[in-house]
N, C-alpha and C. Protein backbone atom coordinates (compact mmCIF):
# COMPACT_ATOMS: atom_id res chain seq x y z
N UNK A 1 31.35 237.06 75.63
CA UNK A 1 30.63 238.21 76.13
C UNK A 1 29.34 238.39 75.34
N UNK A 2 28.28 238.78 76.03
CA UNK A 2 26.99 238.98 75.40
C UNK A 2 27.04 240.12 74.39
N UNK A 3 26.23 240.01 73.33
CA UNK A 3 26.14 241.09 72.35
C UNK A 3 25.35 242.28 72.89
N UNK A 4 24.36 242.02 73.73
CA UNK A 4 23.53 243.07 74.28
C UNK A 4 24.17 243.59 75.57
N UNK A 5 24.60 244.87 75.57
CA UNK A 5 25.23 245.42 76.78
C UNK A 5 24.35 245.35 78.02
N UNK A 6 23.04 245.39 77.84
CA UNK A 6 22.13 245.34 78.99
C UNK A 6 22.19 244.00 79.70
N UNK A 7 22.60 242.97 78.99
CA UNK A 7 22.71 241.65 79.61
C UNK A 7 23.95 241.54 80.48
N UNK A 8 24.81 242.55 80.42
CA UNK A 8 26.04 242.55 81.21
C UNK A 8 25.88 243.22 82.56
N UNK A 9 24.67 243.72 82.83
CA UNK A 9 24.43 244.36 84.13
C UNK A 9 23.31 243.63 84.85
N UNK A 10 23.24 243.86 86.15
CA UNK A 10 22.21 243.23 86.97
C UNK A 10 21.57 244.26 87.89
N UNK A 11 20.26 244.25 87.94
CA UNK A 11 19.57 245.16 88.85
C UNK A 11 19.73 244.74 90.30
N UNK A 12 20.29 243.56 90.53
CA UNK A 12 20.62 243.13 91.88
C UNK A 12 21.90 243.78 92.37
N UNK A 13 22.70 244.30 91.45
CA UNK A 13 23.92 245.02 91.78
C UNK A 13 23.52 246.47 92.08
N UNK A 14 23.72 246.96 93.31
CA UNK A 14 23.27 248.32 93.65
C UNK A 14 23.91 249.40 92.78
N UNK A 15 25.13 249.19 92.31
CA UNK A 15 25.78 250.18 91.45
C UNK A 15 25.03 250.26 90.12
N UNK A 16 24.73 249.13 89.54
CA UNK A 16 23.98 249.11 88.28
C UNK A 16 22.57 249.66 88.48
N UNK A 17 21.92 249.26 89.58
CA UNK A 17 20.56 249.70 89.86
C UNK A 17 20.49 251.23 89.92
N UNK A 18 21.44 251.84 90.60
CA UNK A 18 21.47 253.30 90.70
C UNK A 18 21.81 253.92 89.36
N UNK A 19 22.79 253.38 88.66
CA UNK A 19 23.22 253.95 87.38
C UNK A 19 22.09 253.97 86.35
N UNK A 20 21.25 252.95 86.37
CA UNK A 20 20.12 252.91 85.43
C UNK A 20 18.85 253.51 86.04
N UNK A 21 19.04 254.33 87.06
CA UNK A 21 17.93 255.07 87.64
C UNK A 21 16.81 254.20 88.17
N UNK A 22 17.18 253.17 88.94
CA UNK A 22 16.20 252.25 89.53
C UNK A 22 15.37 251.56 88.44
N UNK A 23 15.96 251.42 87.27
CA UNK A 23 15.29 250.75 86.15
C UNK A 23 14.65 251.70 85.15
N UNK A 24 14.56 252.98 85.48
CA UNK A 24 13.92 253.93 84.57
C UNK A 24 14.69 254.07 83.25
N UNK A 25 15.99 253.86 83.29
CA UNK A 25 16.80 253.94 82.08
C UNK A 25 16.62 252.74 81.16
N UNK A 26 15.90 251.75 81.63
CA UNK A 26 15.64 250.55 80.82
C UNK A 26 14.33 250.68 80.04
N UNK A 27 13.57 251.75 80.30
CA UNK A 27 12.30 251.96 79.61
C UNK A 27 12.53 252.55 78.22
N UNK A 28 11.70 252.15 77.28
CA UNK A 28 11.81 252.64 75.90
C UNK A 28 10.45 253.13 75.44
N UNK A 29 10.41 254.07 74.53
CA UNK A 29 11.56 254.79 73.98
C UNK A 29 12.04 255.88 74.94
N UNK A 30 13.13 256.51 74.59
CA UNK A 30 13.68 257.67 75.29
C UNK A 30 14.02 257.41 76.75
N UNK A 31 14.98 256.51 77.02
CA UNK A 31 15.35 256.22 78.40
C UNK A 31 15.81 257.46 79.18
N UNK A 32 16.44 258.40 78.51
CA UNK A 32 16.87 259.63 79.19
C UNK A 32 15.71 260.44 79.70
N UNK A 33 14.63 260.44 78.95
CA UNK A 33 13.43 261.16 79.38
C UNK A 33 12.77 260.45 80.55
N UNK A 34 12.71 259.12 80.50
CA UNK A 34 12.16 258.36 81.63
C UNK A 34 13.02 258.57 82.88
N UNK A 35 14.34 258.53 82.71
CA UNK A 35 15.23 258.77 83.84
C UNK A 35 15.06 260.17 84.40
N UNK A 36 14.92 261.15 83.52
CA UNK A 36 14.70 262.53 83.96
C UNK A 36 13.37 262.67 84.68
N UNK A 37 12.35 261.95 84.21
CA UNK A 37 11.04 262.02 84.84
C UNK A 37 11.09 261.46 86.26
N UNK A 38 11.72 260.30 86.43
CA UNK A 38 11.84 259.74 87.78
C UNK A 38 12.75 260.63 88.63
N UNK A 39 13.82 261.15 88.04
CA UNK A 39 14.70 262.07 88.76
C UNK A 39 13.95 263.31 89.22
N UNK A 40 13.04 263.81 88.38
CA UNK A 40 12.24 264.97 88.75
C UNK A 40 11.34 264.64 89.94
N UNK A 41 10.67 263.51 89.88
CA UNK A 41 9.79 263.10 90.97
C UNK A 41 10.58 262.95 92.28
N UNK A 42 11.70 262.24 92.23
CA UNK A 42 12.53 262.07 93.43
C UNK A 42 13.10 263.40 93.89
N UNK A 43 13.52 264.21 92.95
CA UNK A 43 14.08 265.51 93.29
C UNK A 43 13.09 266.41 94.00
N UNK A 44 11.86 266.43 93.52
CA UNK A 44 10.82 267.25 94.14
C UNK A 44 10.58 266.78 95.58
N UNK A 45 10.48 265.48 95.75
CA UNK A 45 10.26 264.93 97.10
C UNK A 45 11.43 265.29 98.02
N UNK A 46 12.65 265.07 97.54
CA UNK A 46 13.83 265.37 98.36
C UNK A 46 13.97 266.86 98.65
N UNK A 47 13.70 267.69 97.65
CA UNK A 47 13.79 269.14 97.84
C UNK A 47 12.76 269.61 98.87
N UNK A 48 11.56 269.06 98.80
CA UNK A 48 10.52 269.43 99.77
C UNK A 48 10.89 268.98 101.19
N UNK A 49 11.50 267.81 101.30
CA UNK A 49 11.86 267.28 102.61
C UNK A 49 13.11 267.91 103.20
N UNK A 50 14.10 268.19 102.34
CA UNK A 50 15.41 268.62 102.83
C UNK A 50 15.64 270.12 102.83
N UNK A 51 14.93 270.84 101.98
CA UNK A 51 15.23 272.26 101.79
C UNK A 51 16.34 272.42 100.77
N UNK A 52 16.48 273.62 100.25
CA UNK A 52 17.39 273.86 99.13
C UNK A 52 18.86 273.61 99.47
N UNK A 53 19.34 274.11 100.60
CA UNK A 53 20.76 273.97 100.92
C UNK A 53 21.17 272.51 101.07
N UNK A 54 20.42 271.75 101.84
CA UNK A 54 20.75 270.34 102.04
C UNK A 54 20.58 269.57 100.73
N UNK A 55 19.54 269.93 99.95
CA UNK A 55 19.32 269.30 98.65
C UNK A 55 20.52 269.54 97.72
N UNK A 56 21.07 270.74 97.73
CA UNK A 56 22.24 271.04 96.90
C UNK A 56 23.46 270.24 97.34
N UNK A 57 23.63 270.08 98.64
CA UNK A 57 24.74 269.25 99.15
C UNK A 57 24.55 267.81 98.69
N UNK A 58 23.34 267.30 98.80
CA UNK A 58 23.04 265.95 98.31
C UNK A 58 23.31 265.84 96.82
N UNK A 59 22.96 266.86 96.06
CA UNK A 59 23.18 266.86 94.61
C UNK A 59 24.66 266.79 94.28
N UNK A 60 25.48 267.53 95.00
CA UNK A 60 26.93 267.48 94.79
C UNK A 60 27.45 266.07 95.11
N UNK A 61 26.98 265.50 96.20
CA UNK A 61 27.38 264.13 96.55
C UNK A 61 26.93 263.13 95.48
N UNK A 62 25.73 263.34 94.96
CA UNK A 62 25.23 262.47 93.87
C UNK A 62 26.09 262.60 92.63
N UNK A 63 26.59 263.80 92.36
CA UNK A 63 27.48 264.00 91.22
C UNK A 63 28.78 263.23 91.42
N UNK A 64 29.40 263.43 92.57
CA UNK A 64 30.68 262.77 92.86
C UNK A 64 30.52 261.25 92.82
N UNK A 65 29.52 260.74 93.50
CA UNK A 65 29.24 259.30 93.51
C UNK A 65 28.86 258.82 92.11
N UNK A 66 28.15 259.67 91.37
CA UNK A 66 27.73 259.33 90.02
C UNK A 66 28.88 259.13 89.05
N UNK A 67 29.97 259.85 89.26
CA UNK A 67 31.15 259.65 88.39
C UNK A 67 31.61 258.20 88.49
N UNK A 68 31.61 257.67 89.71
CA UNK A 68 31.99 256.26 89.90
C UNK A 68 30.91 255.32 89.37
N UNK A 69 29.66 255.56 89.75
CA UNK A 69 28.55 254.69 89.32
C UNK A 69 28.50 254.55 87.80
N UNK A 70 28.56 255.68 87.13
CA UNK A 70 28.44 255.67 85.66
C UNK A 70 29.65 255.02 85.02
N UNK A 71 30.84 255.30 85.53
CA UNK A 71 32.06 254.70 84.97
C UNK A 71 32.03 253.18 85.13
N UNK A 72 31.71 252.72 86.34
CA UNK A 72 31.69 251.28 86.61
C UNK A 72 30.64 250.57 85.76
N UNK A 73 29.47 251.15 85.66
CA UNK A 73 28.40 250.53 84.87
C UNK A 73 28.75 250.55 83.39
N UNK A 74 29.32 251.64 82.91
CA UNK A 74 29.74 251.71 81.51
C UNK A 74 30.80 250.65 81.22
N UNK A 75 31.76 250.49 82.13
CA UNK A 75 32.78 249.45 81.95
C UNK A 75 32.15 248.06 81.94
N UNK A 76 31.22 247.82 82.86
CA UNK A 76 30.57 246.51 82.91
C UNK A 76 29.75 246.24 81.66
N UNK A 77 29.16 247.29 81.09
CA UNK A 77 28.37 247.13 79.87
C UNK A 77 29.25 247.04 78.63
N UNK A 78 30.46 247.59 78.73
CA UNK A 78 31.34 247.63 77.58
C UNK A 78 30.98 248.72 76.59
N UNK A 79 30.20 249.73 77.07
CA UNK A 79 29.75 250.84 76.20
C UNK A 79 29.84 252.12 77.02
N UNK A 80 30.55 253.12 76.45
CA UNK A 80 30.62 254.41 77.14
C UNK A 80 29.29 255.13 77.01
N UNK A 81 28.74 255.56 78.13
CA UNK A 81 27.52 256.37 78.18
C UNK A 81 26.34 255.73 77.44
N UNK A 82 26.10 254.47 77.73
CA UNK A 82 24.93 253.78 77.18
C UNK A 82 23.67 254.54 77.59
N UNK A 83 22.68 254.57 76.73
CA UNK A 83 21.45 255.31 77.00
C UNK A 83 20.73 254.88 78.26
N UNK A 84 20.95 253.64 78.70
CA UNK A 84 20.28 253.15 79.91
C UNK A 84 20.86 253.77 81.18
N UNK A 85 22.07 254.31 81.10
CA UNK A 85 22.70 254.95 82.26
C UNK A 85 22.08 256.34 82.40
N UNK A 86 21.28 256.53 83.44
CA UNK A 86 20.55 257.78 83.60
C UNK A 86 20.79 258.49 84.94
N UNK A 87 21.74 257.99 85.72
CA UNK A 87 22.06 258.69 86.97
C UNK A 87 22.45 260.14 86.68
N UNK A 88 23.12 260.35 85.56
CA UNK A 88 23.51 261.71 85.16
C UNK A 88 22.29 262.59 84.92
N UNK A 89 21.21 262.02 84.41
CA UNK A 89 19.96 262.77 84.25
C UNK A 89 19.37 263.14 85.61
N UNK A 90 19.45 262.22 86.57
CA UNK A 90 18.97 262.53 87.91
C UNK A 90 19.67 263.78 88.44
N UNK A 91 20.99 263.77 88.36
CA UNK A 91 21.78 264.89 88.91
C UNK A 91 21.48 266.17 88.14
N UNK A 92 21.40 266.07 86.83
CA UNK A 92 21.10 267.26 86.01
C UNK A 92 19.77 267.89 86.38
N UNK A 93 18.74 267.08 86.47
CA UNK A 93 17.43 267.63 86.80
C UNK A 93 17.39 268.12 88.25
N UNK A 94 18.14 267.49 89.15
CA UNK A 94 18.23 267.98 90.53
C UNK A 94 18.76 269.42 90.53
N UNK A 95 19.78 269.68 89.73
CA UNK A 95 20.38 271.03 89.68
C UNK A 95 19.34 272.05 89.24
N UNK A 96 18.59 271.73 88.20
CA UNK A 96 17.59 272.68 87.70
C UNK A 96 16.46 272.85 88.72
N UNK A 97 16.05 271.77 89.35
CA UNK A 97 15.00 271.88 90.38
C UNK A 97 15.42 272.79 91.52
N UNK A 98 16.69 272.75 91.88
CA UNK A 98 17.19 273.59 92.98
C UNK A 98 17.08 275.08 92.66
N UNK A 99 16.94 275.42 91.37
CA UNK A 99 16.89 276.82 90.96
C UNK A 99 15.47 277.37 90.84
N UNK A 100 14.47 276.51 90.89
CA UNK A 100 13.11 277.02 90.71
C UNK A 100 12.64 277.74 91.97
N UNK A 101 11.85 278.80 91.78
CA UNK A 101 11.45 279.60 92.94
C UNK A 101 10.39 278.95 93.82
N UNK A 102 9.66 277.97 93.30
CA UNK A 102 8.66 277.27 94.11
C UNK A 102 8.42 275.88 93.54
N UNK A 103 7.85 275.02 94.35
CA UNK A 103 7.56 273.66 93.91
C UNK A 103 6.15 273.58 93.30
N UNK A 104 5.77 274.59 92.56
CA UNK A 104 4.49 274.55 91.85
C UNK A 104 4.65 273.63 90.63
N UNK A 105 3.55 273.07 90.18
CA UNK A 105 3.58 272.18 89.03
C UNK A 105 4.17 272.87 87.81
N UNK A 106 3.84 274.14 87.61
CA UNK A 106 4.37 274.88 86.46
C UNK A 106 5.89 274.98 86.50
N UNK A 107 6.46 275.31 87.66
CA UNK A 107 7.91 275.41 87.78
C UNK A 107 8.58 274.04 87.68
N UNK A 108 7.95 273.02 88.23
CA UNK A 108 8.52 271.66 88.14
C UNK A 108 8.57 271.22 86.68
N UNK A 109 7.48 271.42 85.96
CA UNK A 109 7.46 271.07 84.53
C UNK A 109 8.46 271.91 83.73
N UNK A 110 8.59 273.17 84.09
CA UNK A 110 9.56 274.05 83.41
C UNK A 110 10.97 273.51 83.61
N UNK A 111 11.30 273.12 84.84
CA UNK A 111 12.63 272.57 85.13
C UNK A 111 12.88 271.31 84.30
N UNK A 112 11.90 270.41 84.29
CA UNK A 112 12.03 269.16 83.54
C UNK A 112 12.22 269.43 82.05
N UNK A 113 11.37 270.28 81.48
CA UNK A 113 11.43 270.56 80.04
C UNK A 113 12.73 271.25 79.66
N UNK A 114 13.14 272.23 80.45
CA UNK A 114 14.40 272.93 80.14
C UNK A 114 15.58 271.97 80.20
N UNK A 115 15.62 271.14 81.23
CA UNK A 115 16.73 270.19 81.32
C UNK A 115 16.74 269.25 80.11
N UNK A 116 15.60 268.66 79.78
CA UNK A 116 15.56 267.73 78.65
C UNK A 116 15.91 268.44 77.35
N UNK A 117 15.42 269.66 77.16
CA UNK A 117 15.71 270.42 75.94
C UNK A 117 17.22 270.58 75.75
N UNK A 118 17.90 271.06 76.79
CA UNK A 118 19.34 271.29 76.65
C UNK A 118 20.13 269.99 76.66
N UNK A 119 19.65 268.96 77.34
CA UNK A 119 20.33 267.67 77.34
C UNK A 119 20.26 267.02 75.96
N UNK A 120 19.14 267.17 75.29
CA UNK A 120 18.98 266.60 73.94
C UNK A 120 19.69 267.47 72.91
N UNK A 121 19.50 268.79 72.97
CA UNK A 121 20.09 269.71 71.99
C UNK A 121 21.61 269.75 72.08
N UNK A 122 22.14 269.72 73.29
CA UNK A 122 23.58 269.79 73.55
C UNK A 122 24.27 270.97 72.85
N UNK A 123 23.86 272.20 73.18
CA UNK A 123 24.53 273.37 72.59
C UNK A 123 25.98 273.45 73.08
N UNK A 124 26.79 274.24 72.36
CA UNK A 124 28.20 274.41 72.73
C UNK A 124 28.27 274.93 74.16
N UNK A 125 29.18 274.43 74.96
CA UNK A 125 30.21 273.42 74.72
C UNK A 125 29.79 272.01 75.13
N UNK A 126 28.49 271.79 75.37
CA UNK A 126 28.05 270.49 75.89
C UNK A 126 28.43 269.36 74.94
N UNK A 127 28.13 269.49 73.66
CA UNK A 127 28.43 268.43 72.70
C UNK A 127 29.94 268.15 72.64
N UNK A 128 30.74 269.20 72.74
CA UNK A 128 32.20 269.04 72.73
C UNK A 128 32.64 268.13 73.88
N UNK A 129 32.19 268.45 75.10
CA UNK A 129 32.58 267.65 76.26
C UNK A 129 31.99 266.24 76.19
N UNK A 130 30.78 266.13 75.67
CA UNK A 130 30.14 264.83 75.55
C UNK A 130 30.96 263.90 74.66
N UNK A 131 31.57 264.45 73.63
CA UNK A 131 32.35 263.63 72.69
C UNK A 131 33.79 263.40 73.17
N UNK A 132 34.36 264.35 73.91
CA UNK A 132 35.77 264.29 74.26
C UNK A 132 36.08 263.57 75.57
N UNK A 133 35.18 263.62 76.53
CA UNK A 133 35.44 263.03 77.83
C UNK A 133 34.82 261.64 77.91
N UNK A 134 35.62 260.65 78.23
CA UNK A 134 35.13 259.27 78.20
C UNK A 134 35.03 258.61 79.57
N UNK A 135 35.31 259.30 80.61
CA UNK A 135 35.26 258.73 81.95
C UNK A 135 33.86 258.88 82.53
N UNK A 136 33.69 258.42 83.76
CA UNK A 136 32.43 258.66 84.46
C UNK A 136 32.17 260.14 84.61
N UNK A 137 33.23 260.91 84.81
CA UNK A 137 33.10 262.37 84.87
C UNK A 137 32.53 262.89 83.56
N UNK A 138 33.00 262.33 82.45
CA UNK A 138 32.50 262.74 81.13
C UNK A 138 31.03 262.42 80.96
N UNK A 139 30.60 261.28 81.48
CA UNK A 139 29.18 260.91 81.40
C UNK A 139 28.35 261.92 82.19
N UNK A 140 28.86 262.35 83.33
CA UNK A 140 28.12 263.25 84.21
C UNK A 140 28.15 264.71 83.75
N UNK A 141 29.28 265.16 83.22
CA UNK A 141 29.47 266.61 83.02
C UNK A 141 28.56 267.20 81.95
N UNK A 142 28.23 266.45 80.91
CA UNK A 142 27.37 267.04 79.88
C UNK A 142 25.99 267.33 80.44
N UNK A 143 25.52 266.51 81.37
CA UNK A 143 24.21 266.76 81.97
C UNK A 143 24.26 267.93 82.95
N UNK A 144 25.38 268.08 83.64
CA UNK A 144 25.55 269.24 84.51
C UNK A 144 25.55 270.52 83.68
N UNK A 145 26.22 270.50 82.55
CA UNK A 145 26.24 271.68 81.67
C UNK A 145 24.84 271.97 81.12
N UNK A 146 24.10 270.93 80.73
CA UNK A 146 22.73 271.12 80.27
C UNK A 146 21.88 271.74 81.38
N UNK A 147 22.13 271.29 82.61
CA UNK A 147 21.40 271.84 83.76
C UNK A 147 21.74 273.31 83.96
N UNK A 148 22.99 273.66 83.78
CA UNK A 148 23.39 275.07 83.94
C UNK A 148 22.67 275.95 82.92
N UNK A 149 22.53 275.47 81.69
CA UNK A 149 21.75 276.21 80.70
C UNK A 149 20.31 276.37 81.18
N UNK A 150 19.73 275.30 81.72
CA UNK A 150 18.36 275.36 82.23
C UNK A 150 18.24 276.35 83.38
N UNK A 151 19.20 276.34 84.28
CA UNK A 151 19.21 277.28 85.41
C UNK A 151 19.29 278.72 84.89
N UNK A 152 20.11 278.95 83.89
CA UNK A 152 20.25 280.30 83.32
C UNK A 152 18.90 280.78 82.76
N UNK A 153 18.19 279.91 82.08
CA UNK A 153 16.88 280.29 81.54
C UNK A 153 15.90 280.59 82.68
N UNK A 154 15.93 279.79 83.73
CA UNK A 154 15.04 280.04 84.88
C UNK A 154 15.36 281.40 85.50
N UNK A 155 16.63 281.73 85.63
CA UNK A 155 16.99 283.03 86.18
C UNK A 155 16.51 284.17 85.26
N UNK A 156 16.64 283.97 83.94
CA UNK A 156 16.16 284.98 83.00
C UNK A 156 14.63 285.16 83.10
N UNK A 157 13.91 284.06 83.20
CA UNK A 157 12.46 284.13 83.36
C UNK A 157 12.11 284.91 84.61
N UNK A 158 12.81 284.63 85.70
CA UNK A 158 12.52 285.32 86.95
C UNK A 158 12.84 286.81 86.87
N UNK A 159 13.87 287.17 86.11
CA UNK A 159 14.22 288.59 85.94
C UNK A 159 13.14 289.33 85.15
N UNK A 160 12.52 288.65 84.21
CA UNK A 160 11.51 289.29 83.35
C UNK A 160 10.12 289.31 83.97
N UNK A 161 9.94 288.64 85.10
CA UNK A 161 8.62 288.59 85.74
C UNK A 161 8.32 289.85 86.49
């Protein structure tokens, strides 16, 4: 078996391609930030095209499918939650984007920054779940929790406006 986990995946495999965010998770430094950036771009496009309700349904489906994608890719790499796996960042930033009141550049950047802040900081209970859950669900859930923190801040900002 190869020493480099990235050599154990192939971008020709659609599961791997999606799990690494169409290759964005392979960029350095900070693959999670690159994945979140591409997720933000795709999310804005999808949200504008689909509307909030359909976008939220798609986001839930992406979460469910992501549990499998991330688990399979992690198994193939031989590493739980390798930094190159960024599908979870896509779903996390989708959740925060769904909460913004408009698709203005300021709100889009706010969603991106809040998601990355909480995804990196991992306040309680995010860090607990990140360390305890080892399945594809575990890979996905810490980003969903980070997104929930971001959504809470967006709601607070809107209340104070």
